[in-house]
């Protein structure tokens, strides 16, 4: 070795001594074997890893499942004329009375006349492999209960389906579990789930697998047995889970419903779907019940689908009626009921936000009805409503309060913004020139408006906001009409 190699050594003897010291003291385990794997030399790290090997075979201490791999690996290196380095995947070994996982890299030694052998470097990767296996296990274990999770159960069901096992799937759901969380807190809920998990595990013992599917729902896979075995386990689950569970100073009684189905169908999830259908039926029967799906239940499932369809239709009809009750028939605008609901929804005692309100009344509108009739008056109101819709900002809503009165609600608007919106409504109405004709000096429909703003915290503040805006609207009428009145005065 020369200075150009990075280390200055005076002669070949010193270089050889340095090389021997490097091999001896390097932290990597290095050993030399003959072409059959018999250990000839080992450095300190290798002796610490495998003990004092003497002249033993490298294969000794390797687990039987991996020993044949190592023998084939040694034979491959011994016959390799290229002297390339080859990695061998991890081996399970027992060296020095310690179980380890070792990674091996080896190659055939070249450049030594008359010597035929192999050199290996060994690395203890036990900790790495253990951590990796732990991570893999955690991906299939529920963190709270320690049971297999949804993914693990799905794999188990797929395996049972592929091997055509004659078993069943049970779906278990706690009755009114939300009430426990609401009354006693989530810590108590977690304690209940953990206790239930233990009882389910004991109920199936060694005949099945229990998994937490999510929330308060569990799934049990019974890989063998018929319907009678499934019913027996279902009844046992109801009994075991139903025993009182100590939570703090209370003993909680948790009901449970169970639905089951035998394995079968064209797809692994057929059994889960059927068990879920049976669970729904059990809950529909009063909860704390069990139900095992059978082929006869297919008709019931179709009927249940029909019931769902009917319920959806009724919900939509109910929502339509709800909207109808909150919509003004004449103009299509939201009505007074919707106005009050929306204003109360804006109330927030914790974080009150400003709300602007424009109270509008059409000027001398009674003369339109009196001169031209109610039908003409209704047509004018529809035209006015269309103008008001077009004048709204994206976040604003205009309501027909009743008769010729309208209200515009402006969430988040301050006083100046509310005044500008009121003025915009007044100008738009004038610009559209909707025929009035009820009075000689009123060719077109105009409005008088009052503007108010407030922070809404309760029903009282809603009523006060409406009162102030209505009073300012009256002031606008008394001041000559076709104007907007706010706290700061009137604009025309």
Protein backbone atom coordinates (compact mmCIF):
# COMPACT_ATOMS: atom_id res chain seq x y z
CA UNK A 1 0.00 0.00 0.00
CA UNK A 2 1.37 3.45 -0.89
CA UNK A 3 0.68 7.05 -0.01
CA UNK A 4 -1.47 7.25 -3.12
CA UNK A 5 -3.82 4.73 -1.47
CA UNK A 6 -4.38 7.09 1.46
CA UNK A 7 -2.15 5.37 4.07
CA UNK A 8 1.67 5.53 4.19
CA UNK A 9 3.25 2.15 4.95
CA UNK A 10 6.97 1.51 4.67
CA UNK A 11 7.11 -2.07 3.35
CA UNK A 12 5.01 -5.08 2.39
CA UNK A 13 5.32 -6.67 5.84
CA UNK A 14 3.76 -3.63 7.48
CA UNK A 15 0.99 -3.56 4.85
CA UNK A 16 0.19 -7.21 5.51
CA UNK A 17 0.08 -6.57 9.27
CA UNK A 18 -2.25 -3.61 8.75
CA UNK A 19 -4.54 -5.68 6.53
CA UNK A 20 -4.69 -8.43 9.17
CA UNK A 21 -5.54 -5.85 11.84
CA UNK A 22 -8.28 -4.35 9.68
CA UNK A 23 -9.89 -7.73 9.10
CA UNK A 24 -9.52 -8.64 12.77
CA UNK A 25 -11.02 -5.42 14.16
CA UNK A 26 -13.56 -4.39 11.50
CA UNK A 27 -17.07 -4.25 13.09
CA UNK A 28 -18.50 -6.43 10.30
CA UNK A 29 -18.42 -10.18 10.93
CA UNK A 30 -16.01 -11.72 8.39
CA UNK A 31 -15.08 -15.39 8.07
CA UNK A 32 -13.34 -17.71 5.61
CA UNK A 33 -14.49 -21.25 4.79
CA UNK A 34 -13.39 -24.01 2.46
CA UNK A 35 -15.51 -24.78 -0.59
CA UNK A 36 -17.85 -26.95 1.52
CA UNK A 37 -18.54 -24.20 4.07
CA UNK A 38 -16.22 -25.44 6.85
CA UNK A 39 -15.04 -22.40 8.85
CA UNK A 40 -11.27 -21.85 8.66
CA UNK A 41 -10.85 -18.29 9.94
CA UNK A 42 -13.11 -15.78 11.70
CA UNK A 43 -12.51 -12.23 12.91
CA UNK A 44 -13.54 -10.96 16.33
CA UNK A 45 -16.97 -9.75 15.18
CA UNK A 46 -17.70 -13.14 13.62
CA UNK A 47 -16.67 -14.98 16.78
CA UNK A 48 -18.93 -12.73 18.86
CA UNK A 49 -21.81 -13.39 16.45
CA UNK A 50 -21.53 -17.19 16.13
CA UNK A 51 -19.36 -18.06 19.12
CA UNK A 52 -15.95 -19.71 18.78
CA UNK A 53 -16.59 -21.82 15.72
CA UNK A 54 -13.38 -23.83 15.62
CA UNK A 55 -13.47 -25.84 12.42
CA UNK A 56 -17.27 -26.21 12.20
CA UNK A 57 -19.55 -25.92 9.20
CA UNK A 58 -21.25 -22.58 8.55
CA UNK A 59 -24.51 -24.50 8.16
CA UNK A 60 -24.49 -25.64 11.80
CA UNK A 61 -27.05 -23.74 13.88
CA UNK A 62 -29.08 -22.64 10.86
CA UNK A 63 -32.77 -23.54 11.11
CA UNK A 64 -33.78 -26.56 9.05
CA UNK A 65 -36.05 -24.48 6.79
CA UNK A 66 -33.09 -22.29 5.77
CA UNK A 67 -30.23 -24.84 5.89
CA UNK A 68 -30.95 -26.19 2.40
CA UNK A 69 -30.87 -22.62 1.01
CA UNK A 70 -27.48 -22.00 2.61
CA UNK A 71 -26.02 -25.31 1.27
CA UNK A 72 -27.20 -24.45 -2.25
CA UNK A 73 -25.74 -20.96 -1.83
CA UNK A 74 -22.31 -22.32 -0.76
CA UNK A 75 -22.27 -24.78 -3.69
CA UNK A 76 -23.13 -21.96 -6.09
CA UNK A 77 -20.27 -19.76 -4.79
CA UNK A 78 -17.81 -22.68 -4.92
CA UNK A 79 -18.59 -23.30 -8.58
CA UNK A 80 -18.57 -19.64 -9.62
CA UNK A 81 -15.50 -19.02 -11.78
CA UNK A 82 -16.26 -15.26 -11.98
CA UNK A 83 -15.65 -14.76 -8.22
CA UNK A 84 -18.60 -12.37 -8.02
CA UNK A 85 -20.16 -11.28 -4.73
CA UNK A 86 -23.65 -12.69 -4.09
CA UNK A 87 -26.20 -11.73 -1.40
CA UNK A 88 -28.29 -14.34 0.37
CA UNK A 89 -31.62 -13.36 1.88
CA UNK A 90 -32.00 -13.49 5.66
CA UNK A 91 -31.40 -16.76 7.53
CA UNK A 92 -32.96 -17.91 10.78
CA UNK A 93 -30.10 -19.15 13.00
CA UNK A 94 -29.38 -20.16 16.56
CA UNK A 95 -25.80 -19.26 17.40
CA UNK A 96 -24.49 -18.98 20.94
CA UNK A 97 -27.90 -19.98 22.37
CA UNK A 98 -29.44 -16.87 20.81
CA UNK A 99 -32.05 -16.83 18.06
CA UNK A 100 -31.00 -14.42 15.32
CA UNK A 101 -31.75 -13.36 11.78
CA UNK A 102 -28.58 -12.97 9.71
CA UNK A 103 -27.98 -11.52 6.25
CA UNK A 104 -25.09 -13.10 4.32
CA UNK A 105 -22.87 -11.84 1.48
CA UNK A 106 -20.22 -14.19 0.06
CA UNK A 107 -17.82 -14.73 -2.79
CA UNK A 108 -15.07 -17.13 -3.85
CA UNK A 109 -11.54 -16.04 -2.90
CA UNK A 110 -9.19 -15.34 -5.78
CA UNK A 111 -5.54 -14.30 -6.03
CA UNK A 112 -4.14 -16.77 -3.49
CA UNK A 113 -2.26 -19.52 -5.34
CA UNK A 114 -3.02 -22.97 -4.00
CA UNK A 115 -5.95 -21.79 -1.80
CA UNK A 116 -9.50 -22.63 -2.63
CA UNK A 117 -12.07 -21.09 -0.32
CA UNK A 118 -14.91 -18.68 0.30
CA UNK A 119 -15.16 -15.41 2.23
CA UNK A 120 -18.38 -14.27 3.91
CA UNK A 121 -19.58 -11.14 5.64
CA UNK A 122 -22.43 -11.60 8.11
CA UNK A 123 -24.80 -8.99 9.51
CA UNK A 124 -27.20 -9.45 12.40
CA UNK A 125 -30.51 -7.95 11.15
CA UNK A 126 -32.70 -9.41 13.90
CA UNK A 127 -33.88 -6.04 15.20
CA UNK A 128 -34.68 -4.76 11.73
CA UNK A 129 -36.67 -7.88 10.85
CA UNK A 130 -38.52 -7.80 14.17
CA UNK A 131 -39.52 -4.15 13.66
CA UNK A 132 -40.62 -4.90 10.11
CA UNK A 133 -42.74 -7.82 11.25
CA UNK A 134 -44.22 -5.67 14.00
CA UNK A 135 -45.20 -3.02 11.47
CA UNK A 136 -46.76 -5.64 9.23
CA UNK A 137 -48.69 -7.11 12.16
CA UNK A 138 -49.93 -3.68 13.24
CA UNK A 139 -51.39 -3.12 9.78
CA UNK A 140 -53.79 -5.97 10.52
CA UNK A 141 -54.50 -5.33 14.22
CA UNK A 142 -57.05 -2.98 15.76
CA UNK A 143 -55.12 -0.60 18.02
CA UNK A 144 -57.84 -0.31 20.69
CA UNK A 145 -58.96 -3.90 21.20
CA UNK A 146 -55.97 -5.88 19.92
CA UNK A 147 -58.30 -7.89 17.68
CA UNK A 148 -57.64 -8.42 13.98
CA UNK A 149 -58.94 -5.46 12.01
CA UNK A 150 -61.14 -5.16 8.92
CA UNK A 151 -58.30 -5.92 6.49
CA UNK A 152 -57.27 -9.04 8.40
CA UNK A 153 -60.84 -10.35 8.51
CA UNK A 154 -61.34 -9.71 4.83
CA UNK A 155 -58.19 -11.75 4.08
CA UNK A 156 -59.46 -14.57 6.29
CA UNK A 157 -62.86 -14.60 4.56
CA UNK A 158 -61.20 -14.67 1.14
CA UNK A 159 -59.04 -17.60 2.23
CA UNK A 160 -62.07 -19.47 3.59
CA UNK A 161 -63.91 -18.82 0.31
CA UNK A 162 -60.99 -20.04 -1.81
CA UNK A 163 -60.65 -23.26 0.18
CA UNK A 164 -64.43 -23.80 0.13
CA UNK A 165 -64.71 -24.11 3.89
CA UNK A 166 -68.16 -24.96 5.19
CA UNK A 167 -68.44 -22.25 7.84
CA UNK A 168 -70.25 -18.99 8.51
CA UNK A 169 -69.79 -15.26 9.04
CA UNK A 170 -71.43 -13.42 11.95
CA UNK A 171 -71.83 -9.65 12.18
CA UNK A 172 -72.15 -8.26 15.72
CA UNK A 173 -73.37 -4.73 16.44
CA UNK A 174 -73.79 -3.11 19.86
CA UNK A 175 -77.24 -1.64 20.53
CA UNK A 176 -77.35 2.11 21.21
CA UNK A 177 -73.59 2.40 21.70
CA UNK A 178 -73.76 6.12 20.85
CA UNK A 179 -75.83 6.63 24.00
CA UNK A 180 -72.94 5.29 26.10
CA UNK A 181 -70.48 7.75 24.55
CA UNK A 182 -72.94 10.63 24.96
CA UNK A 183 -73.73 9.83 28.59
CA UNK A 184 -70.44 8.54 29.99
CA UNK A 185 -67.82 9.86 27.55
CA UNK A 186 -65.59 8.26 24.94
CA UNK A 187 -63.18 6.82 27.52
CA UNK A 188 -66.04 4.75 28.92
CA UNK A 189 -67.03 3.81 25.38
CA UNK A 190 -63.50 2.56 24.69
CA UNK A 191 -63.58 0.50 27.88
CA UNK A 192 -66.87 -1.09 26.80
CA UNK A 193 -65.45 -1.93 23.36
CA UNK A 194 -62.35 -3.50 24.91
CA UNK A 195 -64.45 -5.59 27.30
CA UNK A 196 -66.79 -6.71 24.53
CA UNK A 197 -63.79 -7.69 22.39
CA UNK A 198 -62.49 -9.95 25.18
CA UNK A 199 -65.89 -11.56 25.68
CA UNK A 200 -66.28 -12.23 21.97
CA UNK A 201 -62.83 -13.80 21.85
CA UNK A 202 -63.75 -16.10 24.73
CA UNK A 203 -67.13 -16.92 23.16
CA UNK A 204 -65.56 -18.28 19.97
CA UNK A 205 -62.49 -19.62 21.82
CA UNK A 206 -60.51 -21.69 19.31
CA UNK A 207 -63.31 -22.40 16.83
CA UNK A 208 -63.26 -19.03 15.06
CA UNK A 209 -61.73 -15.60 14.56
CA UNK A 210 -63.05 -12.30 15.91
CA UNK A 211 -62.25 -8.96 14.27
CA UNK A 212 -63.25 -5.39 14.96
CA UNK A 213 -64.77 -4.21 11.70
CA UNK A 214 -65.07 -0.58 12.74
CA UNK A 215 -66.86 1.54 15.36
CA UNK A 216 -69.01 -0.75 17.50
CA UNK A 217 -69.25 -3.47 14.85
CA UNK A 218 -67.44 -6.81 15.07
CA UNK A 219 -67.25 -9.77 12.68
CA UNK A 220 -66.76 -13.44 13.61
CA UNK A 221 -65.56 -16.02 11.11
CA UNK A 222 -66.42 -19.63 11.93
CA UNK A 223 -64.43 -21.58 9.30
CA UNK A 224 -66.22 -24.86 9.98
CA UNK A 225 -69.60 -26.06 11.12
CA UNK A 226 -73.12 -25.62 9.84
CA UNK A 227 -76.13 -23.50 10.70
CA UNK A 228 -76.61 -25.13 14.11
CA UNK A 229 -73.06 -24.17 15.14
CA UNK A 230 -73.62 -20.62 13.90
CA UNK A 231 -76.85 -20.28 15.90
CA UNK A 232 -75.18 -21.67 19.03
CA UNK A 233 -72.35 -19.11 18.81
CA UNK A 234 -74.78 -16.27 18.05
CA UNK A 235 -76.82 -17.05 21.17
CA UNK A 236 -73.65 -17.36 23.23
CA UNK A 237 -72.47 -13.93 21.98
CA UNK A 238 -75.76 -12.30 23.03
CA UNK A 239 -75.49 -13.90 26.48
CA UNK A 240 -71.81 -13.11 27.06
CA UNK A 241 -71.90 -9.52 25.84
CA UNK A 242 -75.13 -8.85 27.73
CA UNK A 243 -73.52 -9.38 31.15
CA UNK A 244 -72.99 -6.11 33.12
CA UNK A 245 -69.77 -4.24 32.33
CA UNK A 246 -68.21 -2.27 35.23
CA UNK A 247 -67.42 1.30 34.12
CA UNK A 248 -66.32 3.53 36.99
CA UNK A 249 -68.99 3.28 39.67
CA UNK A 250 -71.62 2.04 37.22
CA UNK A 251 -72.46 -1.36 35.79
CA UNK A 252 -73.51 -0.94 32.17
CA UNK A 253 -75.63 -3.50 30.38
CA UNK A 254 -74.87 -3.43 26.67
CA UNK A 255 -77.27 -5.11 24.29
CA UNK A 256 -76.07 -6.68 21.07
CA UNK A 257 -77.65 -7.78 17.80
CA UNK A 258 -76.16 -10.54 15.65
CA UNK A 259 -76.71 -11.42 12.01
CA UNK A 260 -75.15 -14.46 10.37
CA UNK A 261 -74.77 -16.17 7.02
CA UNK A 262 -73.14 -19.37 5.84
CA UNK A 263 -70.13 -19.06 3.56
CA UNK A 264 -71.02 -19.33 -0.07
CA UNK A 265 -72.11 -17.37 -3.10
CA UNK A 266 -70.14 -16.30 -6.13
CA UNK A 267 -67.87 -13.84 -4.31
CA UNK A 268 -66.27 -13.64 -0.83
CA UNK A 269 -68.29 -10.56 0.09
CA UNK A 270 -71.60 -12.39 -0.53
CA UNK A 271 -71.44 -13.86 2.97
CA UNK A 272 -70.75 -10.43 4.48
CA UNK A 273 -73.61 -8.87 2.55
CA UNK A 274 -76.00 -11.58 3.69
CA UNK A 275 -74.83 -11.35 7.31
CA UNK A 276 -75.36 -7.59 7.17
CA UNK A 277 -78.89 -8.13 5.83
CA UNK A 278 -79.57 -10.56 8.68
CA UNK A 279 -78.15 -8.07 11.21
CA UNK A 280 -80.51 -5.39 9.93
CA UNK A 281 -83.39 -7.80 10.30
CA UNK A 282 -82.32 -8.67 13.86
CA UNK A 283 -82.27 -4.98 14.80
CA UNK A 284 -85.66 -4.49 13.13
CA UNK A 285 -87.04 -7.22 15.39
CA UNK A 286 -86.35 -5.23 18.54
CA UNK A 287 -82.59 -5.53 19.01
CA UNK A 288 -80.89 -7.93 21.36
CA UNK A 289 -81.89 -10.48 18.71
CA UNK A 290 -80.14 -12.90 16.33
CA UNK A 291 -80.97 -13.72 12.74
CA UNK A 292 -79.34 -16.26 10.41
CA UNK A 293 -79.68 -15.56 6.69
CA UNK A 294 -81.00 -18.32 4.47
CA UNK A 295 -82.00 -18.62 0.83
CA UNK A 296 -85.60 -17.91 1.84
CA UNK A 297 -84.48 -14.48 3.04
CA UNK A 298 -83.70 -13.36 -0.51
CA UNK A 299 -87.37 -12.51 -0.94
CA UNK A 300 -87.29 -10.58 2.33
CA UNK A 301 -84.21 -8.69 1.10
CA UNK A 302 -86.11 -7.67 -2.04
CA UNK A 303 -89.03 -6.55 0.10
CA UNK A 304 -86.65 -4.57 2.28
CA UNK A 305 -85.28 -2.88 -0.84
CA UNK A 306 -88.85 -1.98 -1.77
CA UNK A 307 -89.38 -0.57 1.71
CA UNK A 308 -86.21 1.50 1.37
CA UNK A 309 -87.44 2.81 -1.97
CA UNK A 310 -90.76 3.76 -0.40
CA UNK A 311 -89.00 5.43 2.53
CA UNK A 312 -86.84 7.42 0.12
CA UNK A 313 -89.94 8.49 -1.76
CA UNK A 314 -91.63 9.57 1.47
CA UNK A 315 -88.53 11.47 2.60
CA UNK A 316 -88.38 13.33 -0.70
CA UNK A 317 -92.10 14.08 -0.51
CA UNK A 318 -91.69 15.30 3.07
CA UNK A 319 -88.79 17.53 2.06
CA UNK A 320 -90.83 18.90 -0.84
CA UNK A 321 -93.70 19.71 1.53
CA UNK A 322 -91.26 21.30 3.93
CA UNK A 323 -89.93 23.53 1.17
CA UNK A 324 -93.46 24.29 0.02
CA UNK A 325 -94.42 25.40 3.52
CA UNK A 326 -91.49 27.81 3.49
CA UNK A 327 -92.05 29.24 0.00
CA UNK A 328 -94.37 32.06 -1.00
CA UNK A 329 -96.83 30.75 -3.60
CA UNK A 330 -97.25 34.03 -5.46
CA UNK A 331 -93.58 34.94 -6.01
CA UNK A 332 -91.62 31.75 -5.37
CA UNK A 333 -89.52 33.62 -2.78
CA UNK A 334 -88.90 32.22 0.72
CA UNK A 335 -91.73 33.25 3.05
CA UNK A 336 -91.93 34.65 6.59
CA UNK A 337 -91.50 31.22 8.24
CA UNK A 338 -88.26 30.68 6.34
CA UNK A 339 -87.17 34.27 7.13
CA UNK A 340 -87.47 33.75 10.89
CA UNK A 341 -85.79 30.31 10.74
CA UNK A 342 -82.84 31.70 8.78
CA UNK A 343 -82.42 34.70 11.09
CA UNK A 344 -82.42 32.46 14.16
CA UNK A 345 -79.89 30.18 12.49
CA UNK A 346 -77.55 33.20 12.27
CA UNK A 347 -77.68 33.67 16.05
CA UNK A 348 -74.41 32.74 17.77
CA UNK A 349 -73.94 33.90 21.39
CA UNK A 350 -70.34 32.68 21.41
CA UNK A 351 -69.26 34.40 18.19
CA UNK A 352 -71.86 37.00 17.16
CA UNK A 353 -71.47 38.20 13.56
CA UNK A 354 -73.01 41.37 12.04
CA UNK A 355 -76.19 40.88 10.02
CA UNK A 356 -77.77 43.55 7.83
CA UNK A 357 -81.49 43.72 7.10
CA UNK A 358 -83.41 45.77 4.51
CA UNK A 359 -87.14 46.04 5.15
CA UNK A 360 -88.97 46.96 1.90
CA UNK A 361 -92.53 48.10 1.24
CA UNK A 362 -93.85 48.90 -2.26
CA UNK A 363 -95.24 52.43 -2.49
CA UNK A 364 -99.04 52.83 -2.83
CA UNK A 365 -99.39 49.22 -3.89
CA UNK A 366 -102.97 49.03 -2.66
CA UNK A 367 -103.92 51.37 -5.49
CA UNK A 368 -102.67 48.80 -8.05
CA UNK A 369 -105.05 46.13 -6.74
CA UNK A 370 -107.90 48.61 -6.42
CA UNK A 371 -107.50 49.99 -9.96
CA UNK A 372 -106.49 46.89 -11.94
CA UNK A 373 -107.59 43.98 -9.75
CA UNK A 374 -105.80 41.34 -7.69
CA UNK A 375 -104.62 39.37 -10.73
CA UNK A 376 -102.74 42.38 -12.08
CA UNK A 377 -101.39 43.05 -8.60
CA UNK A 378 -100.09 39.46 -8.34
CA UNK A 379 -98.36 39.86 -11.70
CA UNK A 380 -96.65 43.05 -10.49
CA UNK A 381 -95.44 41.25 -7.36
CA UNK A 382 -93.90 38.48 -9.49
CA UNK A 383 -92.08 41.04 -11.62
CA UNK A 384 -90.81 42.84 -8.49
CA UNK A 385 -89.60 39.51 -7.03
CA UNK A 386 -87.61 38.82 -10.22
CA UNK A 387 -85.95 42.25 -9.98
CA UNK A 388 -85.06 41.67 -6.34
CA UNK A 389 -83.54 38.26 -7.09
CA UNK A 390 -81.26 39.85 -9.64
CA UNK A 391 -80.20 42.57 -7.21
CA UNK A 392 -79.06 40.14 -4.47
CA UNK A 393 -75.41 39.45 -3.70
CA UNK A 394 -74.38 35.81 -3.67
CA UNK A 395 -74.70 35.46 0.11
CA UNK A 396 -77.94 37.50 0.46
CA UNK A 397 -81.54 36.25 0.44
CA UNK A 398 -84.75 38.15 -0.29
CA UNK A 399 -88.02 37.04 1.32
CA UNK A 400 -91.64 38.00 0.80
CA UNK A 401 -92.83 38.89 4.27
CA UNK A 402 -96.44 39.34 3.25
CA UNK A 403 -98.62 41.58 1.06
CA UNK A 404 -96.29 44.08 -0.61
CA UNK A 405 -93.58 43.78 2.06
CA UNK A 406 -90.18 42.19 1.37
CA UNK A 407 -87.12 41.63 3.57
CA UNK A 408 -83.51 41.22 2.45
CA UNK A 409 -81.12 39.46 4.88
CA UNK A 410 -77.41 40.31 4.47
CA UNK A 411 -75.14 37.97 6.53
CA UNK A 412 -71.87 39.64 7.54
CA UNK A 413 -72.86 43.08 6.21
CA UNK A 414 -72.03 46.22 8.17
CA UNK A 415 -74.14 49.41 8.15
CA UNK A 416 -72.61 50.95 5.01
CA UNK A 417 -72.84 47.73 3.03
CA UNK A 418 -76.48 47.25 4.02
CA UNK A 419 -77.31 50.82 2.91
CA UNK A 420 -75.63 50.25 -0.46
CA UNK A 421 -77.64 47.04 -0.98
CA UNK A 422 -80.88 48.84 -0.10
CA UNK A 423 -80.03 51.62 -2.58
CA UNK A 424 -79.24 49.05 -5.28
CA UNK A 425 -82.68 47.44 -4.80
CA UNK A 426 -84.37 50.85 -5.06
CA UNK A 427 -82.50 51.84 -8.25
CA UNK A 428 -83.03 48.46 -9.94
CA UNK A 429 -86.77 48.69 -9.34
CA UNK A 430 -86.91 52.20 -10.84
CA UNK A 431 -84.73 51.20 -13.81
CA UNK A 432 -87.00 48.25 -14.67
CA UNK A 433 -90.02 50.54 -14.96
CA UNK A 434 -92.70 48.08 -13.79
CA UNK A 435 -96.07 49.71 -14.52
CA UNK A 436 -97.95 50.97 -11.46
CA UNK A 437 -100.91 52.85 -12.93
CA UNK A 438 -102.86 52.96 -9.70
CA UNK A 439 -102.29 56.71 -9.29
CA UNK A 440 -101.90 59.44 -11.88
CA UNK A 441 -98.54 60.63 -10.51
CA UNK A 442 -97.09 57.08 -10.16
CA UNK A 443 -96.38 55.60 -13.59
CA UNK A 444 -93.90 53.05 -12.20
CA UNK A 445 -93.60 50.93 -9.05
CA UNK A 446 -91.18 52.29 -6.40
CA UNK A 447 -90.22 51.21 -2.87
CA UNK A 448 -89.54 52.61 0.56
CA UNK A 449 -86.94 50.78 2.65
CA UNK A 450 -85.49 50.80 6.16
CA UNK A 451 -82.01 49.49 6.91
CA UNK A 452 -80.72 48.11 10.22
CA UNK A 453 -77.72 46.05 11.35
CA UNK A 454 -77.10 44.07 14.53
CA UNK A 455 -75.18 41.15 16.01
CA UNK A 456 -77.70 38.34 16.50
CA UNK A 457 -77.39 36.33 19.71
CA UNK A 458 -80.96 35.16 20.42
CA UNK A 459 -84.61 35.51 19.40
CA UNK A 460 -84.81 38.85 21.18
CA UNK A 461 -82.08 40.36 19.02
CA UNK A 462 -83.83 39.02 15.89
CA UNK A 463 -87.10 40.69 16.88
CA UNK A 464 -85.29 43.96 17.65
CA UNK A 465 -83.50 43.97 14.29
CA UNK A 466 -86.81 43.48 12.47
CA UNK A 467 -88.51 46.19 14.55
CA UNK A 468 -85.83 48.82 13.89
CA UNK A 469 -85.75 48.13 10.14
CA UNK A 470 -89.58 48.30 9.96
CA UNK A 471 -89.62 51.61 11.82
CA UNK A 472 -87.07 53.09 9.41
CA UNK A 473 -89.14 51.86 6.48
CA UNK A 474 -92.10 53.83 7.88
CA UNK A 475 -89.85 56.86 8.20
CA UNK A 476 -88.95 56.48 4.51
CA UNK A 477 -92.65 56.52 3.60
CA UNK A 478 -93.31 59.54 5.77
CA UNK A 479 -90.32 61.32 4.19
CA UNK A 480 -91.74 61.14 0.67
CA UNK A 481 -91.35 57.47 -0.42
CA UNK A 482 -88.98 56.05 -3.07
CA UNK A 483 -86.09 56.25 -0.64
CA UNK A 484 -83.94 54.25 1.80
CA UNK A 485 -83.67 55.30 5.45
CA UNK A 486 -80.92 54.17 7.80
CA UNK A 487 -79.54 55.41 11.09
CA UNK A 488 -77.62 58.10 9.22
CA UNK A 489 -80.67 59.52 7.44
CA UNK A 490 -82.43 59.02 4.10
CA UNK A 491 -81.16 58.62 0.53
CA UNK A 492 -83.26 59.14 -2.59
